Amino acid sequence: MTSQGWTPTALLAAVLLAPLGCGDEPVTPVTFAQACDRANHQKNVEVAGYILAGRSVVCDTSDGRKYCGLVLTEQPGTEPGVSLRIAVGSGKNAMAKPERNYTRDTIKLLGDDGKPVSWRDKSKVIAKVFAVPDSLKPADTVCFLFANKIAR
């Protein structure tokens, strides 16, 4: 079972291990169901899905960059999904800081081509995977992805 909850261990790992980018590291295409396999921990994967704002969007700073958490889902507009951390900024593969009373339609996200990406658009995301045992239930996995590239 995969959990999206942020246990203290997982949050600390996210802050300390946030990637700077995938650079020349290999990228492995995976199915949505395979994205959070523990075997993919700290690897770059390419996974298809829909990016949307969940019930809350939490933003924080790690490795000198600000990130916000969205959700990658297998089908449009559905939850649960996988936690997807996206850099905050105004350029490619980044999102604007969400407005105070955001909706799925007001989230501003730019893909690798510099064009807006809607939660209705199926995207291919290249991301660094963090899949670690849940500190409260070690048999479960806490999973989150750090997006490096978002393509349609």
N, C-alpha and C. Protein backbone atom coordinates (compact mmCIF):
# COMPACT_ATOMS: atom_id res chain seq x y z
N MET A 1 0.84 -1.18 0.00
CA MET A 1 0.00 0.00 0.00
C MET A 1 0.89 1.24 0.00
N THR A 2 0.52 2.26 -0.77
CA THR A 2 1.29 3.49 -0.85
C THR A 2 0.55 4.59 -0.12
N SER A 3 1.28 5.34 0.67
CA SER A 3 0.70 6.42 1.44
C SER A 3 1.21 7.75 0.92
N GLN A 4 0.36 8.77 0.92
CA GLN A 4 0.79 10.11 0.55
C GLN A 4 1.04 10.95 1.78
N GLY A 5 0.84 10.39 2.96
CA GLY A 5 1.04 11.15 4.18
C GLY A 5 2.50 11.54 4.36
N TRP A 6 2.71 12.68 4.96
CA TRP A 6 4.08 13.17 5.18
C TRP A 6 4.47 12.87 6.62
N THR A 7 5.07 11.71 6.86
CA THR A 7 5.60 11.41 8.17
C THR A 7 6.84 12.27 8.38
N PRO A 8 7.27 12.49 9.62
CA PRO A 8 8.48 13.29 9.84
C PRO A 8 9.69 12.77 9.07
N THR A 9 9.84 11.46 8.98
CA THR A 9 10.97 10.88 8.25
C THR A 9 10.89 11.23 6.77
N ALA A 10 9.71 11.10 6.18
CA ALA A 10 9.56 11.38 4.75
C ALA A 10 9.75 12.87 4.46
N LEU A 11 9.22 13.73 5.32
CA LEU A 11 9.38 15.16 5.12
C LEU A 11 10.84 15.56 5.21
N LEU A 12 11.57 15.00 6.17
CA LEU A 12 13.00 15.29 6.30
C LEU A 12 13.74 14.80 5.06
N ALA A 13 13.39 13.63 4.57
CA ALA A 13 14.04 13.11 3.36
C ALA A 13 13.77 14.02 2.17
N ALA A 14 12.55 14.53 2.06
CA ALA A 14 12.21 15.41 0.95
C ALA A 14 13.02 16.69 0.99
N VAL A 15 13.17 17.25 2.15
CA VAL A 15 13.90 18.50 2.29
C VAL A 15 15.39 18.29 2.04
N LEU A 16 15.95 17.21 2.54
CA LEU A 16 17.38 16.98 2.42
C LEU A 16 17.81 16.40 1.07
N LEU A 17 16.91 15.68 0.43
CA LEU A 17 17.31 14.95 -0.77
C LEU A 17 16.70 15.48 -2.06
N ALA A 18 16.07 16.65 -2.02
CA ALA A 18 15.42 17.18 -3.21
C ALA A 18 16.42 17.31 -4.35
N PRO A 19 16.05 16.83 -5.52
CA PRO A 19 17.00 16.85 -6.64
C PRO A 19 17.14 18.24 -7.24
N LEU A 20 18.28 18.47 -7.85
CA LEU A 20 18.52 19.71 -8.58
C LEU A 20 18.09 19.57 -10.03
N GLY A 21 17.92 18.38 -10.50
CA GLY A 21 17.53 18.13 -11.89
C GLY A 21 18.04 16.76 -12.28
N CYS A 22 17.57 16.27 -13.41
CA CYS A 22 17.99 14.93 -13.79
C CYS A 22 19.26 14.91 -14.60
N GLY A 23 19.66 16.05 -15.20
CA GLY A 23 20.93 16.11 -15.92
C GLY A 23 21.11 14.96 -16.88
N ASP A 24 22.23 14.28 -16.78
CA ASP A 24 22.54 13.16 -17.67
C ASP A 24 22.16 11.81 -17.07
N GLU A 25 21.46 11.82 -15.95
CA GLU A 25 21.07 10.56 -15.33
C GLU A 25 20.07 9.84 -16.23
N PRO A 26 20.12 8.51 -16.29
CA PRO A 26 19.17 7.77 -17.13
C PRO A 26 17.74 7.94 -16.64
N VAL A 27 16.81 7.86 -17.58
CA VAL A 27 15.39 7.97 -17.29
C VAL A 27 14.73 6.66 -17.72
N THR A 28 13.95 6.07 -16.82
CA THR A 28 13.28 4.80 -17.09
C THR A 28 11.78 5.04 -17.25
N PRO A 29 11.20 4.72 -18.41
CA PRO A 29 9.75 4.80 -18.55
C PRO A 29 9.08 3.74 -17.67
N VAL A 30 8.04 4.13 -16.94
CA VAL A 30 7.31 3.21 -16.08
C VAL A 30 5.81 3.45 -16.23
N THR A 31 5.03 2.45 -15.87
CA THR A 31 3.59 2.64 -15.82
C THR A 31 3.26 3.43 -14.56
N PHE A 32 2.06 3.95 -14.50
CA PHE A 32 1.64 4.69 -13.32
C PHE A 32 1.75 3.81 -12.07
N ALA A 33 1.33 2.56 -12.19
CA ALA A 33 1.36 1.64 -11.05
C ALA A 33 2.78 1.35 -10.57
N GLN A 34 3.78 1.46 -11.46
CA GLN A 34 5.16 1.16 -11.10
C GLN A 34 5.93 2.37 -10.54
N ALA A 35 5.39 3.56 -10.70
CA ALA A 35 6.14 4.77 -10.35
C ALA A 35 6.65 4.77 -8.92
N CYS A 36 5.89 4.24 -7.99
CA CYS A 36 6.27 4.29 -6.58
C CYS A 36 6.90 3.00 -6.07
N ASP A 37 7.31 2.13 -6.96
CA ASP A 37 8.03 0.93 -6.52
C ASP A 37 9.29 1.34 -5.78
N ARG A 38 9.57 0.70 -4.68
CA ARG A 38 10.78 1.03 -3.92
C ARG A 38 12.05 0.84 -4.75
N ALA A 39 11.99 -0.03 -5.74
CA ALA A 39 13.15 -0.24 -6.62
C ALA A 39 13.48 1.02 -7.42
N ASN A 40 12.53 1.95 -7.53
CA ASN A 40 12.75 3.20 -8.26
C ASN A 40 13.25 4.34 -7.38
N HIS A 41 13.45 4.07 -6.10
CA HIS A 41 13.90 5.11 -5.17
C HIS A 41 15.17 5.79 -5.68
N GLN A 42 15.15 7.09 -5.74
CA GLN A 42 16.25 7.96 -6.19
C GLN A 42 16.63 7.75 -7.66
N LYS A 43 15.70 7.22 -8.43
CA LYS A 43 15.91 7.07 -9.88
C LYS A 43 14.99 8.06 -10.59
N ASN A 44 15.35 8.40 -11.81
CA ASN A 44 14.49 9.23 -12.65
C ASN A 44 13.60 8.32 -13.48
N VAL A 45 12.30 8.60 -13.43
CA VAL A 45 11.34 7.84 -14.20
C VAL A 45 10.53 8.78 -15.09
N GLU A 46 9.97 8.21 -16.15
CA GLU A 46 9.00 8.94 -16.96
C GLU A 46 7.67 8.24 -16.76
N VAL A 47 6.68 9.00 -16.32
CA VAL A 47 5.37 8.44 -16.05
C VAL A 47 4.30 9.37 -16.59
N ALA A 48 3.25 8.80 -17.17
CA ALA A 48 2.16 9.60 -17.73
C ALA A 48 1.04 9.74 -16.71
N GLY A 49 0.40 10.90 -16.73
CA GLY A 49 -0.73 11.13 -15.84
C GLY A 49 -1.24 12.54 -15.96
N TYR A 50 -2.10 12.90 -15.03
CA TYR A 50 -2.74 14.20 -14.99
C TYR A 50 -2.31 14.91 -13.72
N ILE A 51 -1.90 16.18 -13.86
CA ILE A 51 -1.39 16.95 -12.72
C ILE A 51 -2.48 17.87 -12.22
N LEU A 52 -2.82 17.75 -10.94
CA LEU A 52 -3.86 18.61 -10.38
C LEU A 52 -3.56 18.99 -8.95
N ALA A 53 -4.24 20.01 -8.50
CA ALA A 53 -4.12 20.43 -7.11
C ALA A 53 -5.00 19.52 -6.27
N GLY A 54 -4.46 19.03 -5.17
CA GLY A 54 -5.22 18.20 -4.26
C GLY A 54 -6.02 19.07 -3.30
N ARG A 55 -6.39 18.50 -2.19
CA ARG A 55 -7.16 19.23 -1.19
C ARG A 55 -6.39 20.40 -0.61
N SER A 56 -5.08 20.26 -0.58
CA SER A 56 -4.23 21.36 -0.13
C SER A 56 -2.95 21.34 -0.95
N VAL A 57 -2.36 22.52 -1.12
CA VAL A 57 -1.09 22.65 -1.82
C VAL A 57 -0.10 23.20 -0.82
N VAL A 58 0.88 22.38 -0.46
CA VAL A 58 1.89 22.78 0.52
C VAL A 58 3.15 23.17 -0.24
N CYS A 59 3.69 24.35 0.09
CA CYS A 59 4.91 24.82 -0.54
C CYS A 59 6.00 24.93 0.52
N ASP A 60 7.23 24.60 0.15
CA ASP A 60 8.36 24.71 1.07
C ASP A 60 9.63 24.93 0.26
N THR A 61 10.71 25.18 0.96
CA THR A 61 12.00 25.42 0.31
C THR A 61 12.96 24.31 0.67
N SER A 62 13.63 23.77 -0.35
CA SER A 62 14.69 22.79 -0.11
C SER A 62 15.73 22.99 -1.19
N ASP A 63 16.96 22.75 -0.86
CA ASP A 63 18.13 22.96 -1.72
C ASP A 63 18.11 24.33 -2.40
N GLY A 64 17.60 25.34 -1.68
CA GLY A 64 17.59 26.70 -2.19
C GLY A 64 16.47 27.01 -3.17
N ARG A 65 15.62 26.05 -3.45
CA ARG A 65 14.50 26.26 -4.38
C ARG A 65 13.19 26.05 -3.65
N LYS A 66 12.17 26.75 -4.11
CA LYS A 66 10.83 26.57 -3.54
C LYS A 66 10.08 25.56 -4.39
N TYR A 67 9.40 24.63 -3.72
CA TYR A 67 8.60 23.60 -4.37
C TYR A 67 7.19 23.64 -3.79
N CYS A 68 6.20 23.28 -4.62
CA CYS A 68 4.84 23.08 -4.15
C CYS A 68 4.41 21.67 -4.51
N GLY A 69 3.54 21.12 -3.69
CA GLY A 69 3.07 19.76 -3.90
C GLY A 69 1.74 19.72 -4.61
N LEU A 70 1.71 19.07 -5.76
CA LEU A 70 0.47 18.79 -6.47
C LEU A 70 0.27 17.29 -6.45
N VAL A 71 -0.64 16.79 -7.24
CA VAL A 71 -0.94 15.36 -7.28
C VAL A 71 -0.90 14.90 -8.73
N LEU A 72 -0.23 13.78 -8.98
CA LEU A 72 -0.24 13.15 -10.29
C LEU A 72 -1.22 11.98 -10.21
N THR A 73 -2.23 12.00 -11.08
CA THR A 73 -3.24 10.94 -11.07
C THR A 73 -3.22 10.18 -12.40
N GLU A 74 -3.75 8.98 -12.36
CA GLU A 74 -3.77 8.16 -13.57
C GLU A 74 -4.89 8.59 -14.51
N GLN A 75 -5.99 9.07 -13.96
CA GLN A 75 -7.14 9.52 -14.75
C GLN A 75 -7.42 10.99 -14.42
N PRO A 76 -7.99 11.75 -15.36
CA PRO A 76 -8.21 13.18 -15.11
C PRO A 76 -9.19 13.44 -13.97
N GLY A 77 -8.79 14.34 -13.08
CA GLY A 77 -9.67 14.79 -12.01
C GLY A 77 -9.94 13.81 -10.90
N THR A 78 -9.21 12.69 -10.85
CA THR A 78 -9.47 11.69 -9.82
C THR A 78 -8.37 11.74 -8.76
N GLU A 79 -8.71 11.29 -7.60
CA GLU A 79 -7.73 11.11 -6.53
C GLU A 79 -8.05 9.76 -5.90
N PRO A 80 -7.17 9.10 -5.20
CA PRO A 80 -5.84 9.57 -4.85
C PRO A 80 -4.88 9.42 -6.03
N GLY A 81 -3.71 9.95 -5.81
CA GLY A 81 -2.66 9.88 -6.81
C GLY A 81 -1.33 9.83 -6.09
N VAL A 82 -0.31 10.32 -6.76
CA VAL A 82 1.04 10.35 -6.20
C VAL A 82 1.42 11.80 -5.94
N SER A 83 2.05 12.06 -4.81
CA SER A 83 2.52 13.41 -4.51
C SER A 83 3.58 13.82 -5.53
N LEU A 84 3.40 14.99 -6.14
CA LEU A 84 4.31 15.49 -7.16
C LEU A 84 4.80 16.87 -6.75
N ARG A 85 6.09 17.00 -6.49
CA ARG A 85 6.69 18.27 -6.09
C ARG A 85 7.17 18.98 -7.34
N ILE A 86 6.75 20.24 -7.52
CA ILE A 86 7.09 21.02 -8.70
C ILE A 86 7.73 22.32 -8.26
N ALA A 87 8.82 22.71 -8.92
CA ALA A 87 9.52 23.95 -8.60
C ALA A 87 8.60 25.14 -8.86
N VAL A 88 8.71 26.15 -7.99
CA VAL A 88 7.95 27.39 -8.15
C VAL A 88 8.81 28.35 -8.95
N GLY A 89 8.22 28.94 -9.97
CA GLY A 89 8.94 29.90 -10.81
C GLY A 89 8.09 30.32 -11.97
N SER A 90 8.70 31.07 -12.89
CA SER A 90 7.95 31.57 -14.03
C SER A 90 8.40 30.95 -15.35
N GLY A 91 9.34 30.02 -15.29
CA GLY A 91 9.86 29.41 -16.51
C GLY A 91 9.28 28.05 -16.78
N LYS A 92 9.93 27.35 -17.70
CA LYS A 92 9.52 26.00 -18.09
C LYS A 92 9.58 25.04 -16.90
N ASN A 93 8.69 24.05 -16.91
CA ASN A 93 8.66 22.99 -15.89
C ASN A 93 8.54 23.55 -14.49
N ALA A 94 7.76 24.61 -14.34
CA ALA A 94 7.58 25.26 -13.04
C ALA A 94 6.13 25.72 -12.92
N MET A 95 5.77 26.07 -11.70
CA MET A 95 4.43 26.57 -11.44
C MET A 95 4.51 27.89 -10.69
N ALA A 96 3.50 28.73 -10.88
CA ALA A 96 3.39 29.96 -10.10
C ALA A 96 2.90 29.60 -8.71
N LYS A 97 3.28 30.39 -7.73
CA LYS A 97 2.78 30.16 -6.38
C LYS A 97 1.25 30.25 -6.42
N PRO A 98 0.57 29.26 -5.84
CA PRO A 98 -0.90 29.25 -5.91
C PRO A 98 -1.51 30.45 -5.19
N GLU A 99 -2.63 30.91 -5.75
CA GLU A 99 -3.39 31.98 -5.11
C GLU A 99 -3.97 31.45 -3.80
N ARG A 100 -4.33 32.37 -2.93
CA ARG A 100 -4.86 31.98 -1.61
C ARG A 100 -6.06 31.05 -1.71
N ASN A 101 -7.02 31.36 -2.54
CA ASN A 101 -8.21 30.52 -2.69
C ASN A 101 -8.17 29.83 -4.06
N TYR A 102 -7.11 29.07 -4.29
CA TYR A 102 -6.91 28.43 -5.58
C TYR A 102 -7.99 27.39 -5.87
N THR A 103 -8.14 27.10 -7.15
CA THR A 103 -8.94 25.97 -7.62
C THR A 103 -8.06 25.21 -8.62
N ARG A 104 -8.51 24.08 -9.06
CA ARG A 104 -7.74 23.33 -10.06
C ARG A 104 -7.51 24.17 -11.31
N ASP A 105 -8.50 25.02 -11.63
CA ASP A 105 -8.39 25.82 -12.84
C ASP A 105 -7.49 27.04 -12.69
N THR A 106 -7.19 27.47 -11.47
CA THR A 106 -6.35 28.66 -11.30
C THR A 106 -4.87 28.33 -11.07
N ILE A 107 -4.54 27.05 -10.95
CA ILE A 107 -3.13 26.65 -10.82
C ILE A 107 -2.44 26.94 -12.14
N LYS A 108 -1.34 27.68 -12.08
CA LYS A 108 -0.59 28.04 -13.29
C LYS A 108 0.69 27.21 -13.35
N LEU A 109 0.73 26.31 -14.33
CA LEU A 109 1.83 25.37 -14.49
C LEU A 109 2.30 25.43 -15.95
N LEU A 110 3.63 25.56 -16.15
CA LEU A 110 4.18 25.58 -17.50
C LEU A 110 4.96 24.30 -17.77
N GLY A 111 4.76 23.74 -18.95
CA GLY A 111 5.45 22.53 -19.35
C GLY A 111 6.81 22.83 -19.94
N ASP A 112 7.46 21.80 -20.46
CA ASP A 112 8.80 21.93 -21.02
C ASP A 112 8.81 22.81 -22.28
N ASP A 113 7.66 22.94 -22.94
CA ASP A 113 7.57 23.80 -24.12
C ASP A 113 7.23 25.25 -23.76
N GLY A 114 7.09 25.54 -22.45
CA GLY A 114 6.78 26.89 -22.01
C GLY A 114 5.30 27.23 -22.07
N LYS A 115 4.47 26.27 -22.49
CA LYS A 115 3.03 26.50 -22.59
C LYS A 115 2.31 25.98 -21.35
N PRO A 116 1.14 26.59 -21.03
CA PRO A 116 0.39 26.16 -19.85
C PRO A 116 -0.04 24.69 -19.93
N VAL A 117 -0.04 24.05 -18.78
CA VAL A 117 -0.51 22.67 -18.64
C VAL A 117 -1.71 22.70 -17.71
N SER A 118 -2.82 22.16 -18.16
CA SER A 118 -4.05 22.10 -17.39
C SER A 118 -4.18 20.72 -16.73
N TRP A 119 -4.98 20.66 -15.69
CA TRP A 119 -5.24 19.37 -15.05
C TRP A 119 -6.00 18.44 -15.99
N ARG A 120 -6.53 18.99 -17.06
CA ARG A 120 -7.23 18.17 -18.06
C ARG A 120 -6.28 17.57 -19.11
N ASP A 121 -5.02 18.03 -19.12
CA ASP A 121 -4.03 17.56 -20.10
C ASP A 121 -3.28 16.34 -19.58
N LYS A 122 -3.20 15.31 -20.41
CA LYS A 122 -2.35 14.17 -20.05
C LYS A 122 -0.91 14.58 -20.29
N SER A 123 -0.08 14.39 -19.30
CA SER A 123 1.32 14.81 -19.37
C SER A 123 2.25 13.64 -19.15
N LYS A 124 3.45 13.76 -19.71
CA LYS A 124 4.54 12.84 -19.40
C LYS A 124 5.46 13.60 -18.46
N VAL A 125 5.66 13.06 -17.29
CA VAL A 125 6.48 13.71 -16.27
C VAL A 125 7.76 12.90 -16.08
N ILE A 126 8.89 13.58 -16.16
CA ILE A 126 10.16 12.97 -15.78
C ILE A 126 10.45 13.48 -14.39
N ALA A 127 10.62 12.56 -13.46
CA ALA A 127 10.75 12.95 -12.06
C ALA A 127 11.70 12.02 -11.31
N LYS A 128 12.30 12.56 -10.26
CA LYS A 128 13.11 11.77 -9.33
C LYS A 128 12.15 11.18 -8.31
N VAL A 129 12.25 9.88 -8.10
CA VAL A 129 11.35 9.16 -7.19
C VAL A 129 11.96 9.08 -5.79
N PHE A 130 11.13 9.31 -4.80
CA PHE A 130 11.48 9.03 -3.41
C PHE A 130 10.41 8.09 -2.88
N ALA A 131 10.78 6.84 -2.72
CA ALA A 131 9.88 5.79 -2.25
C ALA A 131 10.54 5.13 -1.06
N VAL A 132 10.07 5.49 0.12
CA VAL A 132 10.70 5.03 1.36
C VAL A 132 9.68 4.35 2.26
N PRO A 133 10.13 3.45 3.14
CA PRO A 133 9.20 2.82 4.07
C PRO A 133 8.55 3.87 4.98
N ASP A 134 7.28 3.70 5.22
CA ASP A 134 6.56 4.57 6.16
C ASP A 134 7.11 4.29 7.55
N SER A 135 7.48 5.33 8.28
CA SER A 135 8.08 5.13 9.60
C SER A 135 7.08 4.54 10.60
N LEU A 136 5.78 4.74 10.37
CA LEU A 136 4.77 4.18 11.27
C LEU A 136 4.31 2.79 10.85
N LYS A 137 4.36 2.52 9.55
CA LYS A 137 3.98 1.22 9.01
C LYS A 137 5.02 0.83 7.97
N PRO A 138 6.13 0.24 8.38
CA PRO A 138 7.23 -0.06 7.46
C PRO A 138 6.85 -0.91 6.25
N ALA A 139 5.77 -1.65 6.31
CA ALA A 139 5.35 -2.43 5.15
C ALA A 139 4.76 -1.54 4.06
N ASP A 140 4.31 -0.34 4.45
CA ASP A 140 3.77 0.62 3.49
C ASP A 140 4.89 1.51 2.95
N THR A 141 4.62 2.15 1.83
CA THR A 141 5.60 3.02 1.19
C THR A 141 5.07 4.44 1.13
N VAL A 142 5.90 5.39 1.54
CA VAL A 142 5.60 6.80 1.35
C VAL A 142 6.30 7.19 0.05
N CYS A 143 5.55 7.75 -0.88
CA CYS A 143 6.12 8.04 -2.19
C CYS A 143 5.83 9.47 -2.60
N PHE A 144 6.82 10.11 -3.16
CA PHE A 144 6.64 11.41 -3.78
C PHE A 144 7.65 11.54 -4.90
N LEU A 145 7.29 12.35 -5.90
CA LEU A 145 8.10 12.55 -7.08
C LEU A 145 8.51 14.03 -7.15
N PHE A 146 9.75 14.30 -7.54
CA PHE A 146 10.20 15.67 -7.80
C PHE A 146 10.29 15.83 -9.30
N ALA A 147 9.40 16.66 -9.88
CA ALA A 147 9.33 16.84 -11.34
C ALA A 147 10.56 17.58 -11.86
N ASN A 148 11.14 17.05 -12.91
CA ASN A 148 12.24 17.71 -13.61
C ASN A 148 11.77 18.23 -14.97
N LYS A 149 10.84 17.51 -15.59
CA LYS A 149 10.36 17.88 -16.92
C LYS A 149 8.90 17.47 -17.05
N ILE A 150 8.10 18.36 -17.65
CA ILE A 150 6.68 18.09 -17.86
C ILE A 150 6.39 18.30 -19.34
N ALA A 151 6.01 17.25 -20.05
CA ALA A 151 5.71 17.33 -21.48
C ALA A 151 4.31 16.82 -21.75
N ARG A 152 3.70 17.32 -22.81
CA ARG A 152 2.37 16.82 -23.20
C ARG A 152 2.47 15.91 -24.38
